[in-house]
PDB file of N, CA and C in Angstrom:
ATOM      1  N   UNK A   1     238.886-210.992 -26.023  1.00  0.00           N
ATOM      2  CA  UNK A   1     240.305-211.295 -26.106  1.00  0.00           C
ATOM      3  C   UNK A   1     241.087-210.051 -25.742  1.00  0.00           C
ATOM      4  N   UNK A   2     242.153-210.193 -24.988  1.00  0.00           N
ATOM      5  CA  UNK A   2     242.936-209.054 -24.475  1.00  0.00           C
ATOM      6  C   UNK A   2     243.557-208.283 -25.614  1.00  0.00           C
ATOM      7  N   UNK A   3     243.991-208.900 -26.655  1.00  0.00           N
ATOM      8  CA  UNK A   3     244.585-208.222 -27.753  1.00  0.00           C
ATOM      9  C   UNK A   3     243.598-207.284 -28.478  1.00  0.00           C
ATOM     10  N   UNK A   4     242.351-207.733 -28.616  1.00  0.00           N
ATOM     11  CA  UNK A   4     241.377-206.884 -29.280  1.00  0.00           C
ATOM     12  C   UNK A   4     241.058-205.684 -28.428  1.00  0.00           C
ATOM     13  N   UNK A   5     241.013-205.827 -27.101  1.00  0.00           N
ATOM     14  CA  UNK A   5     240.800-204.729 -26.250  1.00  0.00           C
ATOM     15  C   UNK A   5     241.954-203.674 -26.294  1.00  0.00           C
ATOM     16  N   UNK A   6     243.133-204.191 -26.340  1.00  0.00           N
ATOM     17  CA  UNK A   6     244.329-203.339 -26.435  1.00  0.00           C
ATOM     18  C   UNK A   6     244.330-202.590 -27.794  1.00  0.00           C
ATOM     19  N   UNK A   7     243.984-203.293 -28.877  1.00  0.00           N
ATOM     20  CA  UNK A   7     243.954-202.577 -30.164  1.00  0.00           C
ATOM     21  C   UNK A   7     242.923-201.495 -30.124  1.00  0.00           C
ATOM     22  N   UNK A   8     241.735-201.762 -29.531  1.00  0.00           N
ATOM     23  CA  UNK A   8     240.754-200.690 -29.501  1.00  0.00           C
ATOM     24  C   UNK A   8     241.188-199.499 -28.742  1.00  0.00           C
ATOM     25  N   UNK A   9     241.915-199.781 -27.616  1.00  0.00           N
ATOM     26  CA  UNK A   9     242.433-198.612 -26.830  1.00  0.00           C
ATOM     27  C   UNK A   9     243.475-197.863 -27.618  1.00  0.00           C
ATOM     28  N   UNK A  10     244.301-198.528 -28.303  1.00  0.00           N
ATOM     29  CA  UNK A  10     245.360-197.848 -29.095  1.00  0.00           C
ATOM     30  C   UNK A  10     244.726-196.979 -30.168  1.00  0.00           C
ATOM     31  N   UNK A  11     243.674-197.462 -30.798  1.00  0.00           N
ATOM     32  CA  UNK A  11     242.957-196.753 -31.839  1.00  0.00           C
ATOM     33  C   UNK A  11     242.379-195.441 -31.339  1.00  0.00           C
ATOM     34  N   UNK A  12     242.095-195.353 -30.067  1.00  0.00           N
ATOM     35  CA  UNK A  12     241.488-194.120 -29.497  1.00  0.00           C
ATOM     36  C   UNK A  12     242.582-193.089 -29.110  1.00  0.00           C
ATOM     37  N   UNK A  13     243.851-193.496 -29.211  1.00  0.00           N
ATOM     38  CA  UNK A  13     244.942-192.557 -28.854  1.00  0.00           C
ATOM     39  C   UNK A  13     245.237-191.592 -29.961  1.00  0.00           C
ATOM     40  N   UNK A  14     245.756-190.397 -29.606  1.00  0.00           N
ATOM     41  CA  UNK A  14     246.226-189.530 -30.679  1.00  0.00           C
ATOM     42  C   UNK A  14     247.583-190.144 -31.283  1.00  0.00           C
ATOM     43  N   UNK A  15     247.839-189.743 -32.512  1.00  0.00           N
ATOM     44  CA  UNK A  15     248.983-190.338 -33.191  1.00  0.00           C
ATOM     45  C   UNK A  15     250.341-190.293 -32.436  1.00  0.00           C
ATOM     46  N   UNK A  16     250.581-189.181 -31.738  1.00  0.00           N
ATOM     47  CA  UNK A  16     251.876-189.103 -30.960  1.00  0.00           C
ATOM     48  C   UNK A  16     251.927-190.129 -29.880  1.00  0.00           C
ATOM     49  N   UNK A  17     250.783-190.448 -29.251  1.00  0.00           N
ATOM     50  CA  UNK A  17     250.739-191.468 -28.225  1.00  0.00           C
ATOM     51  C   UNK A  17     250.887-192.850 -28.808  1.00  0.00           C
ATOM     52  N   UNK A  18     250.328-193.063 -30.011  1.00  0.00           N
ATOM     53  CA  UNK A  18     250.497-194.339 -30.673  1.00  0.00           C
ATOM     54  C   UNK A  18     251.936-194.607 -30.972  1.00  0.00           C
ATOM     55  N   UNK A  19     252.686-193.566 -31.375  1.00  0.00           N
ATOM     56  CA  UNK A  19     254.157-193.725 -31.561  1.00  0.00           C
ATOM     57  C   UNK A  19     254.827-194.032 -30.239  1.00  0.00           C
ATOM     58  N   UNK A  20     254.410-193.525 -29.151  1.00  0.00           N
ATOM     59  CA  UNK A  20     254.987-193.885 -27.812  1.00  0.00           C
ATOM     60  C   UNK A  20     254.718-195.390 -27.530  1.00  0.00           C
ATOM     61  N   UNK A  21     253.509-195.836 -27.811  1.00  0.00           N
ATOM     62  CA  UNK A  21     253.153-197.193 -27.542  1.00  0.00           C
ATOM     63  C   UNK A  21     254.004-198.084 -28.440  1.00  0.00           C
ATOM     64  N   UNK A  22     254.146-197.700 -29.695  1.00  0.00           N
ATOM     65  CA  UNK A  22     255.013-198.583 -30.606  1.00  0.00           C
ATOM     66  C   UNK A  22     256.450-198.621 -30.059  1.00  0.00           C
ATOM     67  N   UNK A  23     257.019-197.451 -29.594  1.00  0.00           N
ATOM     68  CA  UNK A  23     258.351-197.459 -29.047  1.00  0.00           C
ATOM     69  C   UNK A  23     258.435-198.428 -27.806  1.00  0.00           C
ATOM     70  N   UNK A  24     257.385-198.382 -26.982  1.00  0.00           N
ATOM     71  CA  UNK A  24     257.422-199.224 -25.830  1.00  0.00           C
ATOM     72  C   UNK A  24     257.346-200.708 -26.168  1.00  0.00           C
ATOM     73  N   UNK A  25     256.555-201.023 -27.157  1.00  0.00           N
ATOM     74  CA  UNK A  25     256.411-202.378 -27.630  1.00  0.00           C
ATOM     75  C   UNK A  25     257.747-202.881 -28.228  1.00  0.00           C
ATOM     76  N   UNK A  26     258.414-201.994 -28.908  1.00  0.00           N
ATOM     77  CA  UNK A  26     259.749-202.338 -29.512  1.00  0.00           C
ATOM     78  C   UNK A  26     260.725-202.611 -28.328  1.00  0.00           C
ATOM     79  N   UNK A  27     260.681-201.780 -27.286  1.00  0.00           N
ATOM     80  CA  UNK A  27     261.563-201.942 -26.108  1.00  0.00           C
ATOM     81  C   UNK A  27     261.315-203.327 -25.482  1.00  0.00           C
ATOM     82  N   UNK A  28     260.047-203.647 -25.304  1.00  0.00           N
ATOM     83  CA  UNK A  28     259.720-204.962 -24.718  1.00  0.00           C
ATOM     84  C   UNK A  28     260.218-206.071 -25.538  1.00  0.00           C
ATOM     85  N   UNK A  29     260.150-205.989 -26.850  1.00  0.00           N
ATOM     86  CA  UNK A  29     260.620-206.983 -27.733  1.00  0.00           C
ATOM     87  C   UNK A  29     262.137-207.200 -27.647  1.00  0.00           C
ATOM     88  N   UNK A  30     262.856-206.067 -27.557  1.00  0.00           N
ATOM     89  CA  UNK A  30     264.374-206.105 -27.375  1.00  0.00           C
ATOM     90  C   UNK A  30     264.676-206.793 -26.067  1.00  0.00           C
ATOM     91  N   UNK A  31     263.945-206.395 -25.005  1.00  0.00           N
ATOM     92  CA  UNK A  31     264.225-207.001 -23.662  1.00  0.00           C
ATOM     93  C   UNK A  31     263.968-208.539 -23.716  1.00  0.00           C
ATOM     94  N   UNK A  32     262.926-208.968 -24.404  1.00  0.00           N
ATOM     95  CA  UNK A  32     262.532-210.369 -24.467  1.00  0.00           C
ATOM     96  C   UNK A  32     263.636-211.120 -25.271  1.00  0.00           C
ATOM     97  N   UNK A  33     264.140-210.445 -26.335  1.00  0.00           N
ATOM     98  CA  UNK A  33     265.134-211.105 -27.134  1.00  0.00           C
ATOM     99  C   UNK A  33     266.434-211.227 -26.260  1.00  0.00           C
ATOM    100  N   UNK A  34     266.693-210.223 -25.451  1.00  0.00           N
ATOM    101  CA  UNK A  34     267.901-210.309 -24.582  1.00  0.00           C
ATOM    102  C   UNK A  34     267.755-211.440 -23.549  1.00  0.00           C
ATOM    103  N   UNK A  35     266.565-211.655 -23.099  1.00  0.00           N
ATOM    104  CA  UNK A  35     266.341-212.735 -22.170  1.00  0.00           C
ATOM    105  C   UNK A  35     266.599-214.086 -22.823  1.00  0.00           C
ATOM    106  N   UNK A  36     266.145-214.216 -24.033  1.00  0.00           N
ATOM    107  CA  UNK A  36     266.407-215.455 -24.767  1.00  0.00           C
ATOM    108  C   UNK A  36     267.874-215.693 -25.048  1.00  0.00           C
ATOM    109  N   UNK A  37     268.627-214.656 -25.326  1.00  0.00           N
ATOM    110  CA  UNK A  37     270.075-214.802 -25.540  1.00  0.00           C
ATOM    111  C   UNK A  37     270.762-215.206 -24.181  1.00  0.00           C
ATOM    112  N   UNK A  38     270.355-214.540 -23.145  1.00  0.00           N
ATOM    113  CA  UNK A  38     270.903-214.835 -21.830  1.00  0.00           C
ATOM    114  C   UNK A  38     270.593-216.270 -21.449  1.00  0.00           C
ATOM    115  N   UNK A  39     269.432-216.800 -21.630  1.00  0.00           N
ATOM    116  CA  UNK A  39     269.087-218.130 -21.313  1.00  0.00           C
ATOM    117  C   UNK A  39     269.859-219.106 -22.135  1.00  0.00           C
ATOM    118  N   UNK A  40     270.034-218.774 -23.426  1.00  0.00           N
ATOM    119  CA  UNK A  40     270.815-219.688 -24.310  1.00  0.00           C
ATOM    120  C   UNK A  40     272.249-219.727 -23.846  1.00  0.00           C
ATOM    121  N   UNK A  41     272.831-218.585 -23.524  1.00  0.00           N
ATOM    122  CA  UNK A  41     274.170-218.593 -23.044  1.00  0.00           C
ATOM    123  C   UNK A  41     274.371-219.335 -21.747  1.00  0.00           C
ATOM    124  N   UNK A  42     273.404-219.188 -20.820  1.00  0.00           N
ATOM    125  CA  UNK A  42     273.425-220.001 -19.589  1.00  0.00           C
ATOM    126  C   UNK A  42     273.368-221.414 -19.891  1.00  0.00           C
ATOM    127  N   UNK A  43     272.540-221.892 -20.797  1.00  0.00           N
ATOM    128  CA  UNK A  43     272.400-223.267 -21.143  1.00  0.00           C
ATOM    129  C   UNK A  43     273.733-223.827 -21.723  1.00  0.00           C
ATOM    130  N   UNK A  44     274.295-223.070 -22.607  1.00  0.00           N
ATOM    131  CA  UNK A  44     275.518-223.421 -23.290  1.00  0.00           C
ATOM    132  C   UNK A  44     276.710-223.545 -22.294  1.00  0.00           C
ATOM    133  N   UNK A  45     276.655-222.687 -21.260  1.00  0.00           N
ATOM    134  CA  UNK A  45     277.813-222.644 -20.338  1.00  0.00           C
ATOM    135  C   UNK A  45     277.720-223.737 -19.287  1.00  0.00           C
ATOM    136  N   UNK A  46     276.520-224.305 -19.058  1.00  0.00           N
ATOM    137  CA  UNK A  46     276.387-225.303 -18.042  1.00  0.00           C
ATOM    138  C   UNK A  46     277.362-226.487 -18.167  1.00  0.00           C
ATOM    139  N   UNK A  47     277.531-226.998 -19.346  1.00  0.00           N
ATOM    140  CA  UNK A  47     278.402-228.110 -19.593  1.00  0.00           C
ATOM    141  C   UNK A  47     279.899-227.725 -19.309  1.00  0.00           C
ATOM    142  N   UNK A  48     280.195-226.484 -19.726  1.00  0.00           N
ATOM    143  CA  UNK A  48     281.631-226.029 -19.524  1.00  0.00           C
ATOM    144  C   UNK A  48     281.895-225.841 -18.033  1.00  0.00           C
ATOM    145  N   UNK A  49     280.939-225.450 -17.270  1.00  0.00           N
ATOM    146  CA  UNK A  49     281.194-225.195 -15.866  1.00  0.00           C
ATOM    147  C   UNK A  49     280.865-226.378 -14.965  1.00  0.00           C
ATOM    148  N   UNK A  50     280.311-227.430 -15.558  1.00  0.00           N
ATOM    149  CA  UNK A  50     279.933-228.587 -14.675  1.00  0.00           C
ATOM    150  C   UNK A  50     281.111-229.090 -13.879  1.00  0.00           C
ATOM    151  N   UNK A  51     282.298-229.204 -14.457  1.00  0.00           N
ATOM    152  CA  UNK A  51     283.445-229.708 -13.711  1.00  0.00           C
ATOM    153  C   UNK A  51     283.845-228.790 -12.568  1.00  0.00           C
ATOM    154  N   UNK A  52     283.556-227.494 -12.704  1.00  0.00           N
ATOM    155  CA  UNK A  52     283.892-226.549 -11.728  1.00  0.00           C
ATOM    156  C   UNK A  52     282.889-226.630 -10.613  1.00  0.00           C
ATOM    157  N   UNK A  53     281.600-226.704 -10.982  1.00  0.00           N
ATOM    158  CA  UNK A  53     280.495-226.720  -9.995  1.00  0.00           C
ATOM    159  C   UNK A  53     280.395-228.037  -9.231  1.00  0.00           C
ATOM    160  N   UNK A  54     280.536-229.164  -9.976  1.00  0.00           N
ATOM    161  CA  UNK A  54     280.313-230.457  -9.409  1.00  0.00           C
ATOM    162  C   UNK A  54     281.644-231.152  -9.051  1.00  0.00           C
ATOM    163  N   UNK A  55     282.147-230.782  -7.895  1.00  0.00           N
ATOM    164  CA  UNK A  55     283.360-231.441  -7.461  1.00  0.00           C
ATOM    165  C   UNK A  55     283.330-231.549  -5.919  1.00  0.00           C
ATOM    166  N   UNK A  56     284.054-232.540  -5.423  1.00  0.00           N
ATOM    167  CA  UNK A  56     283.990-232.863  -3.997  1.00  0.00           C
ATOM    168  C   UNK A  56     284.535-231.687  -3.149  1.00  0.00           C
ATOM    169  N   UNK A  57     285.470-230.950  -3.635  1.00  0.00           N
ATOM    170  CA  UNK A  57     286.028-229.861  -2.862  1.00  0.00           C
ATOM    171  C   UNK A  57     284.987-228.787  -2.491  1.00  0.00           C
ATOM    172  N   UNK A  58     284.017-228.570  -3.357  1.00  0.00           N
ATOM    173  CA  UNK A  58     283.014-227.556  -3.170  1.00  0.00           C
ATOM    174  C   UNK A  58     281.685-228.157  -2.680  1.00  0.00           C
ATOM    175  N   UNK A  59     281.646-229.393  -2.373  1.00  0.00           N
ATOM    176  CA  UNK A  59     280.334-230.050  -1.991  1.00  0.00           C
ATOM    177  C   UNK A  59     279.739-229.405  -0.728  1.00  0.00           C
ATOM    178  N   UNK A  60     280.588-228.829   0.122  1.00  0.00           N
ATOM    179  CA  UNK A  60     280.084-228.209   1.358  1.00  0.00           C
ATOM    180  C   UNK A  60     279.197-226.967   0.950  1.00  0.00           C
ATOM    181  N   UNK A  61     279.476-226.291  -0.148  1.00  0.00           N
ATOM    182  CA  UNK A  61     278.653-225.177  -0.533  1.00  0.00           C
ATOM    183  C   UNK A  61     277.295-225.612  -1.066  1.00  0.00           C
ATOM    184  N   UNK A  62     277.226-226.807  -1.547  1.00  0.00           N
ATOM    185  CA  UNK A  62     275.953-227.334  -2.118  1.00  0.00           C
ATOM    186  C   UNK A  62     274.866-227.420  -1.059  1.00  0.00           C
ATOM    187  N   UNK A  63     275.269-227.536   0.224  1.00  0.00           N
ATOM    188  CA  UNK A  63     274.284-227.680   1.314  1.00  0.00           C
ATOM    189  C   UNK A  63     273.823-226.337   1.814  1.00  0.00           C
ATOM    190  N   UNK A  64     274.395-225.196   1.307  1.00  0.00           N
ATOM    191  CA  UNK A  64     273.977-223.910   1.846  1.00  0.00           C
ATOM    192  C   UNK A  64     272.692-223.499   1.339  1.00  0.00           C
TER     193      UNK A  64
END
């Protein structure tokens, strides 16, 4: 399993490097959370913008 391999590699690192790995994992988690917030905001805004996006005046742009 990939997680087991990663854990073994981390265990072989000196403590200061383990701290760097932890910081990096925290950064990845924050980025992932930001993606979820962005996707949720996009989903919530779809209905609000539907009238703007789906109209006959702008239908020419739909074919681009």
